[in-house]
PDB file of N, CA and C in Angstrom:
ATOM      1  N   UNK A   1     -20.140 -61.931 -48.638  1.00  0.00           N
ATOM      2  CA  UNK A   1     -20.287 -60.495 -48.484  1.00  0.00           C
ATOM      3  C   UNK A   1     -20.936 -60.203 -47.162  1.00  0.00           C
ATOM      4  N   UNK A   2     -20.314 -59.310 -46.354  1.00  0.00           N
ATOM      5  CA  UNK A   2     -20.877 -59.017 -45.033  1.00  0.00           C
ATOM      6  C   UNK A   2     -22.198 -58.232 -45.177  1.00  0.00           C
ATOM      7  N   UNK A   3     -23.052 -58.453 -44.189  1.00  0.00           N
ATOM      8  CA  UNK A   3     -24.329 -57.725 -44.183  1.00  0.00           C
ATOM      9  C   UNK A   3     -24.068 -56.264 -43.771  1.00  0.00           C
ATOM     10  N   UNK A   4     -24.820 -55.330 -44.378  1.00  0.00           N
ATOM     11  CA  UNK A   4     -24.614 -53.935 -43.987  1.00  0.00           C
ATOM     12  C   UNK A   4     -25.091 -53.688 -42.570  1.00  0.00           C
ATOM     13  N   UNK A   5     -24.449 -52.786 -41.899  1.00  0.00           N
ATOM     14  CA  UNK A   5     -24.831 -52.402 -40.538  1.00  0.00           C
ATOM     15  C   UNK A   5     -26.106 -51.584 -40.607  1.00  0.00           C
ATOM     16  N   UNK A   6     -27.066 -51.920 -39.787  1.00  0.00           N
ATOM     17  CA  UNK A   6     -28.346 -51.205 -39.743  1.00  0.00           C
ATOM     18  C   UNK A   6     -28.616 -50.778 -38.286  1.00  0.00           C
ATOM     19  N   UNK A   7     -29.659 -49.992 -38.106  1.00  0.00           N
ATOM     20  CA  UNK A   7     -30.040 -49.523 -36.789  1.00  0.00           C
ATOM     21  C   UNK A   7     -30.989 -50.518 -36.142  1.00  0.00           C
ATOM     22  N   UNK A   8     -30.689 -50.851 -34.912  1.00  0.00           N
ATOM     23  CA  UNK A   8     -31.483 -51.808 -34.146  1.00  0.00           C
ATOM     24  C   UNK A   8     -32.440 -51.114 -33.199  1.00  0.00           C
ATOM     25  N   UNK A   9     -32.019 -49.960 -32.603  1.00  0.00           N
ATOM     26  CA  UNK A   9     -32.856 -49.258 -31.639  1.00  0.00           C
ATOM     27  C   UNK A   9     -32.552 -47.781 -31.670  1.00  0.00           C
ATOM     28  N   UNK A  10     -33.581 -46.955 -31.336  1.00  0.00           N
ATOM     29  CA  UNK A  10     -33.384 -45.515 -31.262  1.00  0.00           C
ATOM     30  C   UNK A  10     -34.054 -45.019 -29.991  1.00  0.00           C
ATOM     31  N   UNK A  11     -33.387 -44.081 -29.344  1.00  0.00           N
ATOM     32  CA  UNK A  11     -33.917 -43.415 -28.170  1.00  0.00           C
ATOM     33  C   UNK A  11     -33.783 -41.924 -28.366  1.00  0.00           C
ATOM     34  N   UNK A  12     -34.889 -41.167 -28.410  1.00  0.00           N
ATOM     35  CA  UNK A  12     -34.765 -39.717 -28.528  1.00  0.00           C
ATOM     36  C   UNK A  12     -34.133 -39.124 -27.298  1.00  0.00           C
ATOM     37  N   UNK A  13     -33.324 -38.103 -27.510  1.00  0.00           N
ATOM     38  CA  UNK A  13     -32.677 -37.381 -26.396  1.00  0.00           C
ATOM     39  C   UNK A  13     -33.065 -35.890 -26.485  1.00  0.00           C
ATOM     40  N   UNK A  14     -32.300 -35.059 -25.839  1.00  0.00           N
ATOM     41  CA  UNK A  14     -32.609 -33.622 -25.806  1.00  0.00           C
ATOM     42  C   UNK A  14     -32.395 -33.038 -27.199  1.00  0.00           C
ATOM     43  N   UNK A  15     -33.234 -32.009 -27.524  1.00  0.00           N
ATOM     44  CA  UNK A  15     -33.166 -31.334 -28.802  1.00  0.00           C
ATOM     45  C   UNK A  15     -33.477 -32.303 -29.931  1.00  0.00           C
ATOM     46  N   UNK A  16     -32.575 -32.380 -30.914  1.00  0.00           N
ATOM     47  CA  UNK A  16     -32.751 -33.254 -32.061  1.00  0.00           C
ATOM     48  C   UNK A  16     -31.769 -34.436 -31.972  1.00  0.00           C
ATOM     49  N   UNK A  17     -31.284 -34.704 -30.808  1.00  0.00           N
ATOM     50  CA  UNK A  17     -30.324 -35.806 -30.637  1.00  0.00           C
ATOM     51  C   UNK A  17     -31.066 -37.137 -30.418  1.00  0.00           C
ATOM     52  N   UNK A  18     -30.420 -38.181 -30.905  1.00  0.00           N
ATOM     53  CA  UNK A  18     -30.914 -39.550 -30.691  1.00  0.00           C
ATOM     54  C   UNK A  18     -29.737 -40.436 -30.279  1.00  0.00           C
ATOM     55  N   UNK A  19     -30.046 -41.469 -29.523  1.00  0.00           N
ATOM     56  CA  UNK A  19     -29.081 -42.477 -29.151  1.00  0.00           C
ATOM     57  C   UNK A  19     -29.400 -43.670 -30.044  1.00  0.00           C
ATOM     58  N   UNK A  20     -28.453 -44.121 -30.839  1.00  0.00           N
ATOM     59  CA  UNK A  20     -28.706 -45.220 -31.762  1.00  0.00           C
ATOM     60  C   UNK A  20     -27.891 -46.459 -31.357  1.00  0.00           C
ATOM     61  N   UNK A  21     -28.539 -47.636 -31.486  1.00  0.00           N
ATOM     62  CA  UNK A  21     -27.818 -48.900 -31.338  1.00  0.00           C
ATOM     63  C   UNK A  21     -27.826 -49.562 -32.712  1.00  0.00           C
ATOM     64  N   UNK A  22     -26.670 -49.966 -33.165  1.00  0.00           N
ATOM     65  CA  UNK A  22     -26.514 -50.551 -34.480  1.00  0.00           C
ATOM     66  C   UNK A  22     -26.400 -52.078 -34.374  1.00  0.00           C
ATOM     67  N   UNK A  23     -26.573 -52.734 -35.494  1.00  0.00           N
ATOM     68  CA  UNK A  23     -26.579 -54.220 -35.502  1.00  0.00           C
ATOM     69  C   UNK A  23     -25.184 -54.818 -35.296  1.00  0.00           C
ATOM     70  N   UNK A  24     -24.146 -54.007 -35.350  1.00  0.00           N
ATOM     71  CA  UNK A  24     -22.800 -54.498 -35.033  1.00  0.00           C
ATOM     72  C   UNK A  24     -22.425 -54.235 -33.567  1.00  0.00           C
ATOM     73  N   UNK A  25     -23.441 -53.882 -32.769  1.00  0.00           N
ATOM     74  CA  UNK A  25     -23.348 -53.599 -31.333  1.00  0.00           C
ATOM     75  C   UNK A  25     -22.657 -52.298 -31.007  1.00  0.00           C
ATOM     76  N   UNK A  26     -22.427 -51.423 -31.980  1.00  0.00           N
ATOM     77  CA  UNK A  26     -21.899 -50.108 -31.686  1.00  0.00           C
ATOM     78  C   UNK A  26     -23.086 -49.205 -31.321  1.00  0.00           C
ATOM     79  N   UNK A  27     -22.791 -48.144 -30.589  1.00  0.00           N
ATOM     80  CA  UNK A  27     -23.800 -47.138 -30.234  1.00  0.00           C
ATOM     81  C   UNK A  27     -23.236 -45.754 -30.539  1.00  0.00           C
ATOM     82  N   UNK A  28     -24.137 -44.849 -30.806  1.00  0.00           N
ATOM     83  CA  UNK A  28     -23.756 -43.442 -31.098  1.00  0.00           C
ATOM     84  C   UNK A  28     -24.854 -42.539 -30.647  1.00  0.00           C
ATOM     85  N   UNK A  29     -24.456 -41.345 -30.145  1.00  0.00           N
ATOM     86  CA  UNK A  29     -25.441 -40.280 -29.980  1.00  0.00           C
ATOM     87  C   UNK A  29     -25.207 -39.339 -31.134  1.00  0.00           C
ATOM     88  N   UNK A  30     -26.240 -39.041 -31.886  1.00  0.00           N
ATOM     89  CA  UNK A  30     -26.123 -38.239 -33.074  1.00  0.00           C
ATOM     90  C   UNK A  30     -27.149 -37.104 -33.016  1.00  0.00           C
ATOM     91  N   UNK A  31     -26.733 -35.910 -33.387  1.00  0.00           N
ATOM     92  CA  UNK A  31     -27.619 -34.750 -33.548  1.00  0.00           C
ATOM     93  C   UNK A  31     -28.172 -34.864 -34.980  1.00  0.00           C
ATOM     94  N   UNK A  32     -29.494 -35.092 -35.059  1.00  0.00           N
ATOM     95  CA  UNK A  32     -30.112 -35.243 -36.376  1.00  0.00           C
ATOM     96  C   UNK A  32     -30.466 -33.923 -37.016  1.00  0.00           C
ATOM     97  N   UNK A  33     -30.342 -32.836 -36.335  1.00  0.00           N
ATOM     98  CA  UNK A  33     -30.760 -31.546 -36.882  1.00  0.00           C
ATOM     99  C   UNK A  33     -30.247 -31.256 -38.310  1.00  0.00           C
ATOM    100  N   UNK A  34     -28.951 -31.505 -38.610  1.00  0.00           N
ATOM    101  CA  UNK A  34     -28.497 -31.251 -39.974  1.00  0.00           C
ATOM    102  C   UNK A  34     -29.190 -32.134 -41.027  1.00  0.00           C
ATOM    103  N   UNK A  35     -29.702 -33.262 -40.626  1.00  0.00           N
ATOM    104  CA  UNK A  35     -30.342 -34.187 -41.553  1.00  0.00           C
ATOM    105  C   UNK A  35     -31.831 -33.896 -41.784  1.00  0.00           C
ATOM    106  N   UNK A  36     -32.411 -33.070 -40.926  1.00  0.00           N
ATOM    107  CA  UNK A  36     -33.853 -32.791 -40.989  1.00  0.00           C
ATOM    108  C   UNK A  36     -34.093 -31.596 -41.869  1.00  0.00           C
ATOM    109  N   UNK A  37     -33.817 -31.756 -43.155  1.00  0.00           N
ATOM    110  CA  UNK A  37     -33.887 -30.672 -44.124  1.00  0.00           C
ATOM    111  C   UNK A  37     -34.866 -31.037 -45.222  1.00  0.00           C
ATOM    112  N   UNK A  38     -35.657 -30.119 -45.650  1.00  0.00           N
ATOM    113  CA  UNK A  38     -36.609 -30.367 -46.704  1.00  0.00           C
ATOM    114  C   UNK A  38     -38.053 -30.460 -46.156  1.00  0.00           C
ATOM    115  N   UNK A  39     -39.020 -30.400 -47.064  1.00  0.00           N
ATOM    116  CA  UNK A  39     -40.435 -30.350 -46.660  1.00  0.00           C
ATOM    117  C   UNK A  39     -40.901 -31.542 -45.827  1.00  0.00           C
ATOM    118  N   UNK A  40     -40.428 -32.742 -46.124  1.00  0.00           N
ATOM    119  CA  UNK A  40     -40.919 -33.905 -45.395  1.00  0.00           C
ATOM    120  C   UNK A  40     -40.512 -33.835 -43.930  1.00  0.00           C
ATOM    121  N   UNK A  41     -39.418 -33.148 -43.620  1.00  0.00           N
ATOM    122  CA  UNK A  41     -38.937 -33.036 -42.246  1.00  0.00           C
ATOM    123  C   UNK A  41     -39.525 -31.820 -41.483  1.00  0.00           C
ATOM    124  N   UNK A  42     -40.280 -30.969 -42.200  1.00  0.00           N
ATOM    125  CA  UNK A  42     -40.810 -29.761 -41.578  1.00  0.00           C
ATOM    126  C   UNK A  42     -41.647 -30.055 -40.300  1.00  0.00           C
ATOM    127  N   UNK A  43     -42.592 -30.969 -40.330  1.00  0.00           N
ATOM    128  CA  UNK A  43     -43.364 -31.235 -39.096  1.00  0.00           C
ATOM    129  C   UNK A  43     -42.480 -31.815 -37.970  1.00  0.00           C
ATOM    130  N   UNK A  44     -41.415 -32.522 -38.331  1.00  0.00           N
ATOM    131  CA  UNK A  44     -40.508 -33.100 -37.344  1.00  0.00           C
ATOM    132  C   UNK A  44     -39.701 -32.016 -36.692  1.00  0.00           C
ATOM    133  N   UNK A  45     -39.261 -31.024 -37.478  1.00  0.00           N
ATOM    134  CA  UNK A  45     -38.491 -29.889 -36.930  1.00  0.00           C
ATOM    135  C   UNK A  45     -39.396 -29.008 -36.072  1.00  0.00           C
ATOM    136  N   UNK A  46     -40.624 -28.847 -36.489  1.00  0.00           N
ATOM    137  CA  UNK A  46     -41.526 -27.882 -35.872  1.00  0.00           C
ATOM    138  C   UNK A  46     -42.112 -28.380 -34.541  1.00  0.00           C
ATOM    139  N   UNK A  47     -42.314 -29.669 -34.366  1.00  0.00           N
ATOM    140  CA  UNK A  47     -43.002 -30.190 -33.182  1.00  0.00           C
ATOM    141  C   UNK A  47     -42.133 -31.248 -32.491  1.00  0.00           C
ATOM    142  N   UNK A  48     -41.638 -30.926 -31.309  1.00  0.00           N
ATOM    143  CA  UNK A  48     -40.795 -31.889 -30.592  1.00  0.00           C
ATOM    144  C   UNK A  48     -41.455 -33.252 -30.339  1.00  0.00           C
ATOM    145  N   UNK A  49     -42.805 -33.251 -30.215  1.00  0.00           N
ATOM    146  CA  UNK A  49     -43.517 -34.498 -29.993  1.00  0.00           C
ATOM    147  C   UNK A  49     -43.423 -35.380 -31.246  1.00  0.00           C
ATOM    148  N   UNK A  50     -43.499 -34.757 -32.396  1.00  0.00           N
ATOM    149  CA  UNK A  50     -43.357 -35.536 -33.640  1.00  0.00           C
ATOM    150  C   UNK A  50     -41.930 -36.085 -33.738  1.00  0.00           C
ATOM    151  N   UNK A  51     -40.946 -35.226 -33.457  1.00  0.00           N
ATOM    152  CA  UNK A  51     -39.546 -35.724 -33.476  1.00  0.00           C
ATOM    153  C   UNK A  51     -39.399 -36.939 -32.558  1.00  0.00           C
ATOM    154  N   UNK A  52     -39.942 -36.825 -31.360  1.00  0.00           N
ATOM    155  CA  UNK A  52     -39.774 -37.890 -30.369  1.00  0.00           C
ATOM    156  C   UNK A  52     -40.532 -39.157 -30.705  1.00  0.00           C
ATOM    157  N   UNK A  53     -41.387 -39.114 -31.731  1.00  0.00           N
ATOM    158  CA  UNK A  53     -42.117 -40.308 -32.166  1.00  0.00           C
ATOM    159  C   UNK A  53     -41.258 -41.192 -33.072  1.00  0.00           C
ATOM    160  N   UNK A  54     -39.993 -40.868 -33.246  1.00  0.00           N
ATOM    161  CA  UNK A  54     -39.095 -41.611 -34.100  1.00  0.00           C
ATOM    162  C   UNK A  54     -39.070 -43.077 -33.641  1.00  0.00           C
ATOM    163  N   UNK A  55     -38.948 -43.933 -34.626  1.00  0.00           N
ATOM    164  CA  UNK A  55     -38.845 -45.387 -34.334  1.00  0.00           C
ATOM    165  C   UNK A  55     -37.959 -46.054 -35.364  1.00  0.00           C
ATOM    166  N   UNK A  56     -37.652 -47.306 -35.206  1.00  0.00           N
ATOM    167  CA  UNK A  56     -36.857 -48.057 -36.150  1.00  0.00           C
ATOM    168  C   UNK A  56     -37.799 -48.892 -37.021  1.00  0.00           C
ATOM    169  N   UNK A  57     -37.610 -48.817 -38.334  1.00  0.00           N
ATOM    170  CA  UNK A  57     -38.286 -49.700 -39.237  1.00  0.00           C
ATOM    171  C   UNK A  57     -37.449 -50.953 -39.361  1.00  0.00           C
ATOM    172  N   UNK A  58     -37.946 -52.101 -38.884  1.00  0.00           N
ATOM    173  CA  UNK A  58     -37.140 -53.301 -38.829  1.00  0.00           C
ATOM    174  C   UNK A  58     -36.743 -53.831 -40.233  1.00  0.00           C
ATOM    175  N   UNK A  59     -37.539 -53.541 -41.251  1.00  0.00           N
ATOM    176  CA  UNK A  59     -37.186 -54.023 -42.585  1.00  0.00           C
ATOM    177  C   UNK A  59     -36.105 -53.149 -43.194  1.00  0.00           C
ATOM    178  N   UNK A  60     -36.191 -51.832 -43.011  1.00  0.00           N
ATOM    179  CA  UNK A  60     -35.197 -50.934 -43.601  1.00  0.00           C
ATOM    180  C   UNK A  60     -33.961 -50.780 -42.668  1.00  0.00           C
ATOM    181  N   UNK A  61     -34.176 -51.019 -41.366  1.00  0.00           N
ATOM    182  CA  UNK A  61     -33.080 -50.896 -40.423  1.00  0.00           C
ATOM    183  C   UNK A  61     -32.626 -49.487 -40.254  1.00  0.00           C
ATOM    184  N   UNK A  62     -33.600 -48.545 -40.254  1.00  0.00           N
ATOM    185  CA  UNK A  62     -33.246 -47.152 -40.075  1.00  0.00           C
ATOM    186  C   UNK A  62     -34.346 -46.428 -39.276  1.00  0.00           C
ATOM    187  N   UNK A  63     -34.079 -45.203 -38.944  1.00  0.00           N
ATOM    188  CA  UNK A  63     -35.065 -44.379 -38.215  1.00  0.00           C
ATOM    189  C   UNK A  63     -36.118 -43.844 -39.173  1.00  0.00           C
ATOM    190  N   UNK A  64     -37.374 -43.874 -38.716  1.00  0.00           N
ATOM    191  CA  UNK A  64     -38.502 -43.429 -39.521  1.00  0.00           C
ATOM    192  C   UNK A  64     -39.458 -42.666 -38.649  1.00  0.00           C
ATOM    193  N   UNK A  65     -40.329 -41.894 -39.299  1.00  0.00           N
ATOM    194  CA  UNK A  65     -41.387 -41.177 -38.657  1.00  0.00           C
ATOM    195  C   UNK A  65     -42.683 -41.530 -39.350  1.00  0.00           C
ATOM    196  N   UNK A  66     -43.805 -41.262 -38.711  1.00  0.00           N
ATOM    197  CA  UNK A  66     -45.143 -41.651 -39.235  1.00  0.00           C
ATOM    198  C   UNK A  66     -45.433 -41.037 -40.618  1.00  0.00           C
ATOM    199  N   UNK A  67     -44.860 -39.857 -40.915  1.00  0.00           N
ATOM    200  CA  UNK A  67     -45.161 -39.180 -42.195  1.00  0.00           C
ATOM    201  C   UNK A  67     -44.354 -39.768 -43.382  1.00  0.00           C
ATOM    202  N   UNK A  68     -43.560 -40.823 -43.120  1.00  0.00           N
ATOM    203  CA  UNK A  68     -42.769 -41.438 -44.177  1.00  0.00           C
ATOM    204  C   UNK A  68     -41.367 -40.983 -44.258  1.00  0.00           C
ATOM    205  N   UNK A  69     -40.956 -39.986 -43.458  1.00  0.00           N
ATOM    206  CA  UNK A  69     -39.603 -39.528 -43.460  1.00  0.00           C
ATOM    207  C   UNK A  69     -38.677 -40.589 -42.899  1.00  0.00           C
ATOM    208  N   UNK A  70     -37.445 -40.683 -43.435  1.00  0.00           N
ATOM    209  CA  UNK A  70     -36.454 -41.592 -42.914  1.00  0.00           C
ATOM    210  C   UNK A  70     -35.083 -41.025 -43.287  1.00  0.00           C
ATOM    211  N   UNK A  71     -34.057 -41.583 -42.637  1.00  0.00           N
ATOM    212  CA  UNK A  71     -32.685 -41.173 -42.907  1.00  0.00           C
ATOM    213  C   UNK A  71     -31.859 -42.416 -43.177  1.00  0.00           C
ATOM    214  N   UNK A  72     -31.066 -42.384 -44.227  1.00  0.00           N
ATOM    215  CA  UNK A  72     -30.237 -43.499 -44.650  1.00  0.00           C
ATOM    216  C   UNK A  72     -29.370 -43.991 -43.491  1.00  0.00           C
ATOM    217  N   UNK A  73     -29.480 -45.267 -43.123  1.00  0.00           N
ATOM    218  CA  UNK A  73     -28.685 -45.761 -41.985  1.00  0.00           C
ATOM    219  C   UNK A  73     -27.169 -45.712 -42.233  1.00  0.00           C
ATOM    220  N   UNK A  74     -26.744 -45.841 -43.494  1.00  0.00           N
ATOM    221  CA  UNK A  74     -25.320 -45.732 -43.781  1.00  0.00           C
ATOM    222  C   UNK A  74     -24.800 -44.332 -43.508  1.00  0.00           C
ATOM    223  N   UNK A  75     -25.601 -43.315 -43.802  1.00  0.00           N
ATOM    224  CA  UNK A  75     -25.223 -41.960 -43.529  1.00  0.00           C
ATOM    225  C   UNK A  75     -25.027 -41.743 -42.032  1.00  0.00           C
ATOM    226  N   UNK A  76     -25.962 -42.273 -41.240  1.00  0.00           N
ATOM    227  CA  UNK A  76     -25.873 -42.126 -39.791  1.00  0.00           C
ATOM    228  C   UNK A  76     -24.711 -42.941 -39.187  1.00  0.00           C
ATOM    229  N   UNK A  77     -24.532 -44.136 -39.698  1.00  0.00           N
ATOM    230  CA  UNK A  77     -23.477 -44.998 -39.149  1.00  0.00           C
ATOM    231  C   UNK A  77     -22.086 -44.417 -39.470  1.00  0.00           C
ATOM    232  N   UNK A  78     -21.930 -43.915 -40.702  1.00  0.00           N
ATOM    233  CA  UNK A  78     -20.614 -43.430 -41.116  1.00  0.00           C
ATOM    234  C   UNK A  78     -20.426 -41.928 -40.810  1.00  0.00           C
ATOM    235  N   UNK A  79     -21.439 -41.282 -40.341  1.00  0.00           N
ATOM    236  CA  UNK A  79     -21.379 -39.855 -40.008  1.00  0.00           C
ATOM    237  C   UNK A  79     -21.142 -38.991 -41.258  1.00  0.00           C
ATOM    238  N   UNK A  80     -21.798 -39.332 -42.345  1.00  0.00           N
ATOM    239  CA  UNK A  80     -21.632 -38.641 -43.607  1.00  0.00           C
ATOM    240  C   UNK A  80     -22.328 -37.294 -43.607  1.00  0.00           C
ATOM    241  N   UNK A  81     -21.875 -36.384 -44.452  1.00  0.00           N
ATOM    242  CA  UNK A  81     -22.486 -35.070 -44.608  1.00  0.00           C
ATOM    243  C   UNK A  81     -23.859 -35.272 -45.266  1.00  0.00           C
ATOM    244  N   UNK A  82     -24.903 -34.567 -44.760  1.00  0.00           N
ATOM    245  CA  UNK A  82     -26.203 -34.629 -45.370  1.00  0.00           C
ATOM    246  C   UNK A  82     -26.160 -34.240 -46.850  1.00  0.00           C
ATOM    247  N   UNK A  83     -26.932 -34.878 -47.688  1.00  0.00           N
ATOM    248  CA  UNK A  83     -26.917 -34.615 -49.130  1.00  0.00           C
ATOM    249  C   UNK A  83     -27.191 -33.139 -49.462  1.00  0.00           C
ATOM    250  N   UNK A  84     -28.112 -32.536 -48.738  1.00  0.00           N
ATOM    251  CA  UNK A  84     -28.419 -31.113 -49.062  1.00  0.00           C
ATOM    252  C   UNK A  84     -27.212 -30.216 -48.828  1.00  0.00           C
ATOM    253  N   UNK A  85     -26.396 -30.549 -47.822  1.00  0.00           N
ATOM    254  CA  UNK A  85     -25.219 -29.736 -47.558  1.00  0.00           C
ATOM    255  C   UNK A  85     -24.182 -29.897 -48.671  1.00  0.00           C
ATOM    256  N   UNK A  86     -24.046 -31.110 -49.178  1.00  0.00           N
ATOM    257  CA  UNK A  86     -23.119 -31.370 -50.263  1.00  0.00           C
ATOM    258  C   UNK A  86     -23.586 -30.629 -51.510  1.00  0.00           C
ATOM    259  N   UNK A  87     -24.915 -30.666 -51.814  1.00  0.00           N
ATOM    260  CA  UNK A  87     -25.418 -29.974 -52.961  1.00  0.00           C
ATOM    261  C   UNK A  87     -25.221 -28.458 -52.846  1.00  0.00           C
ATOM    262  N   UNK A  88     -25.478 -27.938 -51.652  1.00  0.00           N
ATOM    263  CA  UNK A  88     -25.277 -26.517 -51.429  1.00  0.00           C
ATOM    264  C   UNK A  88     -23.810 -26.106 -51.628  1.00  0.00           C
ATOM    265  N   UNK A  89     -22.925 -26.919 -51.115  1.00  0.00           N
ATOM    266  CA  UNK A  89     -21.475 -26.648 -51.279  1.00  0.00           C
ATOM    267  C   UNK A  89     -21.075 -26.644 -52.750  1.00  0.00           C
ATOM    268  N   UNK A  90     -21.620 -27.628 -53.522  1.00  0.00           N
ATOM    269  CA  UNK A  90     -21.340 -27.714 -54.937  1.00  0.00           C
ATOM    270  C   UNK A  90     -21.878 -26.479 -55.682  1.00  0.00           C
ATOM    271  N   UNK A  91     -23.058 -26.045 -55.294  1.00  0.00           N
ATOM    272  CA  UNK A  91     -23.624 -24.843 -55.910  1.00  0.00           C
ATOM    273  C   UNK A  91     -22.772 -23.626 -55.604  1.00  0.00           C
ATOM    274  N   UNK A  92     -22.317 -23.517 -54.368  1.00  0.00           N
ATOM    275  CA  UNK A  92     -21.469 -22.402 -53.948  1.00  0.00           C
ATOM    276  C   UNK A  92     -20.138 -22.405 -54.739  1.00  0.00           C
ATOM    277  N   UNK A  93     -19.572 -23.594 -54.929  1.00  0.00           N
ATOM    278  CA  UNK A  93     -18.334 -23.682 -55.709  1.00  0.00           C
ATOM    279  C   UNK A  93     -18.592 -23.275 -57.160  1.00  0.00           C
ATOM    280  N   UNK A  94     -19.717 -23.717 -57.718  1.00  0.00           N
ATOM    281  CA  UNK A  94     -20.019 -23.366 -59.104  1.00  0.00           C
ATOM    282  C   UNK A  94     -20.223 -21.890 -59.213  1.00  0.00           C
ATOM    283  N   UNK A  95     -20.895 -21.258 -58.281  1.00  0.00           N
ATOM    284  CA  UNK A  95     -21.154 -19.820 -58.336  1.00  0.00           C
ATOM    285  C   UNK A  95     -19.838 -19.052 -58.227  1.00  0.00           C
ATOM    286  N   UNK A  96     -18.914 -19.552 -57.439  1.00  0.00           N
ATOM    287  CA  UNK A  96     -17.616 -18.900 -57.259  1.00  0.00           C
ATOM    288  C   UNK A  96     -16.809 -18.953 -58.536  1.00  0.00           C
ATOM    289  N   UNK A  97     -16.900 -20.061 -59.254  1.00  0.00           N
ATOM    290  CA  UNK A  97     -16.107 -20.230 -60.514  1.00  0.00           C
ATOM    291  C   UNK A  97     -16.701 -19.477 -61.702  1.00  0.00           C
ATOM    292  N   UNK A  98     -18.014 -19.209 -61.649  1.00  0.00           N
ATOM    293  CA  UNK A  98     -18.630 -18.504 -62.785  1.00  0.00           C
ATOM    294  C   UNK A  98     -18.700 -16.990 -62.562  1.00  0.00           C
ATOM    295  N   UNK A  99     -18.468 -16.536 -61.356  1.00  0.00           N
ATOM    296  CA  UNK A  99     -18.569 -15.105 -61.023  1.00  0.00           C
ATOM    297  C   UNK A  99     -17.282 -14.451 -61.206  1.00  0.00           C
TER     298      UNK A  99
END
């Protein structure tokens, strides 16, 4: 079974963008703003210095911040929709069908 692709390095860029290097030697520039949703990400959204303190946790192979916030490396590698957006879309669909 092949090992999952993880993040090897992160470099903060302008705004909420980061440049990521993955363990399969691919690189991507990703805007993390859609993923910074919920209370744990509030200080990261509010203070650019906190956002820029992002680093890679070598054991988890993903981006992390000092307050314990992290983002699933599979989501970033595959460019998946953030979970909160999927939940909101499902709620909107449910509201449309019941109204």
